Amino acid sequence: MKLTNNTSIFIICLLMVGCGGGSDDSSTPDPAVAVVEEPVVAVVEPPVVTNIVEPDPNAIYDSTAELIVSRKFLLKPEYALAVSYKNDGDRNAYLSICTDFTDGEEGIKVNYNSCLLRTSIESDYAGTLTVANDKNRLVMAIWYFDDMKNPRYEIWENDLNAKGVRTFDVN
């Protein structure tokens, strides 16, 4: 037991010496205070473009890096088309607006799998369609229920200079 007491006293003494004590020496300097400076904000003006080059539609380029795009060009995959049909005789009809068709000597042939709109109407129709930018011609096929063998066709062509919502009006 004497050995255990001596060992315990020895370990306690080591711990006290190892931890150390505080010093009353007042000559230690205070820790330095860091000075933070405000960042300087620089205003950068965008460069002024004075030489505007319009694209040449007939130009042949070696790479896409040489392409010049018109300022009017908007990279939008689609456009809005307001469609209206005035049904004069209030005849029941079926409207189809399609993108894939041919207009030849034998008349208009429509691929009805390419239709953006298929609806039956009893009076006038008004609505808005979203059309892909590569579709610049559409056909409206109007099938009257009382004469299904003779549909009426109306062709619409996109005005590439038009801004905003384009219209396809049929009276």
Protein backbone atom coordinates (compact mmCIF):
# COMPACT_ATOMS: atom_id res chain seq x y z
CA MET A 1 0.00 0.00 0.00
CA LYS A 2 2.94 2.22 0.68
CA LEU A 3 4.02 1.73 -2.91
CA THR A 4 0.60 2.70 -4.22
CA ASN A 5 0.51 5.88 -2.09
CA ASN A 6 4.00 6.89 -3.17
CA THR A 7 3.20 6.24 -6.81
CA SER A 8 -0.01 8.29 -6.57
CA ILE A 9 1.82 11.21 -4.93
CA PHE A 10 4.56 11.03 -7.56
CA ILE A 11 2.03 11.11 -10.46
CA ILE A 12 0.14 14.04 -8.91
CA CYS A 13 3.39 15.98 -8.52
CA LEU A 14 4.32 15.29 -12.13
CA LEU A 15 0.96 16.51 -13.31
CA MET A 16 1.25 19.71 -11.32
CA VAL A 17 4.71 20.44 -12.64
CA GLY A 18 3.76 19.49 -16.20
CA CYS A 19 0.76 21.79 -16.28
CA GLY A 20 2.76 24.69 -15.00
CA GLY A 21 1.38 27.68 -13.34
CA GLY A 22 0.54 31.17 -14.30
CA SER A 23 3.16 33.85 -14.23
CA ASP A 24 2.74 37.21 -12.60
CA ASP A 25 5.15 38.79 -15.06
CA SER A 26 3.34 41.87 -16.41
CA SER A 27 5.99 42.53 -19.04
CA THR A 28 4.27 40.27 -21.64
CA PRO A 29 2.83 42.34 -24.44
CA ASP A 30 -0.87 42.24 -25.29
CA PRO A 31 -1.77 40.27 -28.40
CA ALA A 32 -1.65 42.35 -31.60
CA VAL A 33 -4.94 43.62 -33.04
CA ALA A 34 -5.35 42.91 -36.77
CA VAL A 35 -6.30 45.90 -38.93
CA VAL A 36 -8.77 45.07 -41.71
CA GLU A 37 -8.82 47.42 -44.68
CA GLU A 38 -11.99 48.00 -46.78
CA PRO A 39 -11.68 46.50 -50.27
CA VAL A 40 -11.64 48.92 -53.18
CA VAL A 41 -14.39 48.28 -55.73
CA ALA A 42 -13.47 49.11 -59.32
CA VAL A 43 -16.27 49.89 -61.77
CA VAL A 44 -15.53 48.50 -65.21
CA GLU A 45 -17.46 50.04 -68.09
CA PRO A 46 -18.37 47.71 -70.98
CA PRO A 47 -16.50 48.44 -74.19
CA VAL A 48 -18.29 50.66 -76.68
CA VAL A 49 -18.76 48.94 -80.02
CA THR A 50 -18.55 51.44 -82.83
CA ASN A 51 -17.94 49.12 -85.76
CA ILE A 52 -21.09 46.99 -86.19
CA VAL A 53 -20.64 44.37 -88.89
CA GLU A 54 -23.79 43.05 -90.53
CA PRO A 55 -23.63 39.41 -91.62
CA ASP A 56 -23.30 38.52 -95.28
CA PRO A 57 -25.95 35.88 -96.06
CA ASN A 58 -23.92 34.57 -99.00
CA ALA A 59 -20.61 34.28 -97.16
CA ILE A 60 -18.81 30.94 -96.94
CA TYR A 61 -16.97 30.36 -93.67
CA ASP A 62 -14.18 27.95 -92.84
CA SER A 63 -15.23 27.55 -89.21
CA THR A 64 -18.07 28.53 -86.92
CA ALA A 65 -15.74 30.98 -85.15
CA GLU A 66 -16.04 33.24 -88.21
CA LEU A 67 -19.84 33.38 -88.17
CA ILE A 68 -21.49 36.75 -87.60
CA VAL A 69 -25.03 36.82 -86.25
CA SER A 70 -27.46 39.65 -86.83
CA ARG A 71 -28.41 41.70 -83.77
CA LYS A 72 -32.06 40.95 -84.54
CA PHE A 73 -31.51 37.21 -84.20
CA LEU A 74 -32.95 35.70 -81.03
CA LEU A 75 -31.99 32.18 -80.16
CA LYS A 76 -35.44 30.89 -79.34
CA PRO A 77 -36.50 27.37 -80.29
CA GLU A 78 -40.13 28.31 -80.89
CA TYR A 79 -42.58 31.14 -81.47
CA ALA A 80 -46.20 31.81 -80.57
CA LEU A 81 -48.84 31.68 -83.29
CA ALA A 82 -52.33 33.09 -82.66
CA VAL A 83 -54.84 31.05 -84.66
CA SER A 84 -58.37 32.19 -85.38
CA TYR A 85 -61.07 30.70 -87.58
CA LYS A 86 -64.37 32.45 -88.22
CA ASN A 87 -67.07 29.88 -88.91
CA ASP A 88 -69.56 31.85 -91.03
CA GLY A 89 -72.30 29.25 -91.30
CA ASP A 90 -71.89 27.87 -87.75
CA ARG A 91 -71.23 24.52 -89.38
CA ASN A 92 -69.77 21.73 -87.28
CA ALA A 93 -66.20 21.24 -88.43
CA TYR A 94 -62.94 19.56 -87.58
CA LEU A 95 -59.76 21.71 -87.71
CA SER A 96 -56.25 20.39 -88.19
CA ILE A 97 -53.13 22.56 -88.34
CA CYS A 98 -50.14 20.61 -89.63
CA THR A 99 -46.51 21.27 -90.51
CA ASP A 100 -45.81 18.53 -93.08
CA PHE A 101 -47.68 18.93 -96.37
CA THR A 102 -47.11 19.25 -100.10
CA ASP A 103 -48.85 21.67 -102.43
CA GLY A 104 -48.74 20.33 -105.97
CA GLU A 105 -50.74 20.02 -109.17
CA GLU A 106 -52.94 17.33 -107.66
CA GLY A 107 -53.79 19.55 -104.71
CA ILE A 108 -52.64 19.61 -101.12
CA LYS A 109 -51.54 16.39 -99.44
CA VAL A 110 -51.20 16.57 -95.64
CA ASN A 111 -49.29 14.30 -93.28
CA TYR A 112 -51.77 14.30 -90.41
CA ASN A 113 -49.14 12.82 -88.07
CA SER A 114 -47.46 16.26 -88.08
CA CYS A 115 -50.46 18.18 -86.73
CA LEU A 116 -49.99 20.74 -83.98
CA LEU A 117 -53.74 21.13 -83.47
CA ARG A 118 -56.70 18.80 -83.96
CA THR A 119 -60.04 19.92 -82.66
CA SER A 120 -63.73 19.86 -83.49
CA ILE A 121 -65.67 23.12 -83.41
CA GLU A 122 -69.30 24.20 -83.54
CA SER A 123 -68.63 27.92 -83.98
CA ASP A 124 -65.58 30.20 -84.18
CA TYR A 125 -62.16 29.13 -82.94
CA ALA A 126 -59.39 31.21 -81.33
CA GLY A 127 -56.25 29.92 -79.65
CA THR A 128 -52.47 30.12 -79.50
CA LEU A 129 -50.03 27.47 -80.69
CA THR A 130 -46.34 27.07 -79.99
CA VAL A 131 -44.52 26.38 -83.26
CA ALA A 132 -40.91 25.26 -83.71
CA ASN A 133 -38.69 27.89 -85.34
CA ASP A 134 -37.87 25.68 -88.32
CA LYS A 135 -41.55 25.48 -89.33
CA ASN A 136 -42.26 28.41 -91.65
CA ARG A 137 -45.30 27.03 -93.48
CA LEU A 138 -48.43 25.53 -91.98
CA VAL A 139 -51.65 24.24 -93.44
CA MET A 140 -55.10 24.39 -91.86
CA ALA A 141 -57.39 21.62 -93.01
CA ILE A 142 -61.08 22.33 -92.34
CA TRP A 143 -63.33 19.29 -92.56
CA TYR A 144 -67.05 20.14 -92.47
CA PHE A 145 -69.09 17.30 -90.98
CA ASP A 146 -71.81 17.69 -93.61
CA ASP A 147 -69.26 17.41 -96.49
CA MET A 148 -66.33 15.20 -95.34
CA LYS A 149 -65.13 14.49 -98.91
CA ASN A 150 -64.16 18.11 -99.70
CA PRO A 151 -61.93 19.63 -97.03
CA ARG A 152 -60.92 23.28 -97.26
CA TYR A 153 -57.20 24.07 -97.01
CA GLU A 154 -55.61 27.36 -95.94
CA ILE A 155 -51.82 27.83 -96.06
CA TRP A 156 -49.93 30.16 -93.73
CA GLU A 157 -46.37 31.38 -94.30
CA ASN A 158 -44.22 32.82 -91.53
CA ASP A 159 -43.15 36.44 -91.78
CA LEU A 160 -39.54 36.15 -90.60
CA ASN A 161 -39.39 39.90 -89.83
CA ALA A 162 -42.46 39.81 -87.58
CA LYS A 163 -41.97 40.51 -83.90
CA GLY A 164 -44.09 39.17 -81.09
CA VAL A 165 -47.05 36.87 -81.67
CA ARG A 166 -47.70 35.93 -85.30
CA THR A 167 -51.27 35.40 -86.54
CA PHE A 168 -52.97 32.80 -88.72
CA ASP A 169 -56.47 34.17 -89.43
CA VAL A 170 -58.97 32.30 -91.58
CA ASN A 171 -62.38 33.77 -92.41
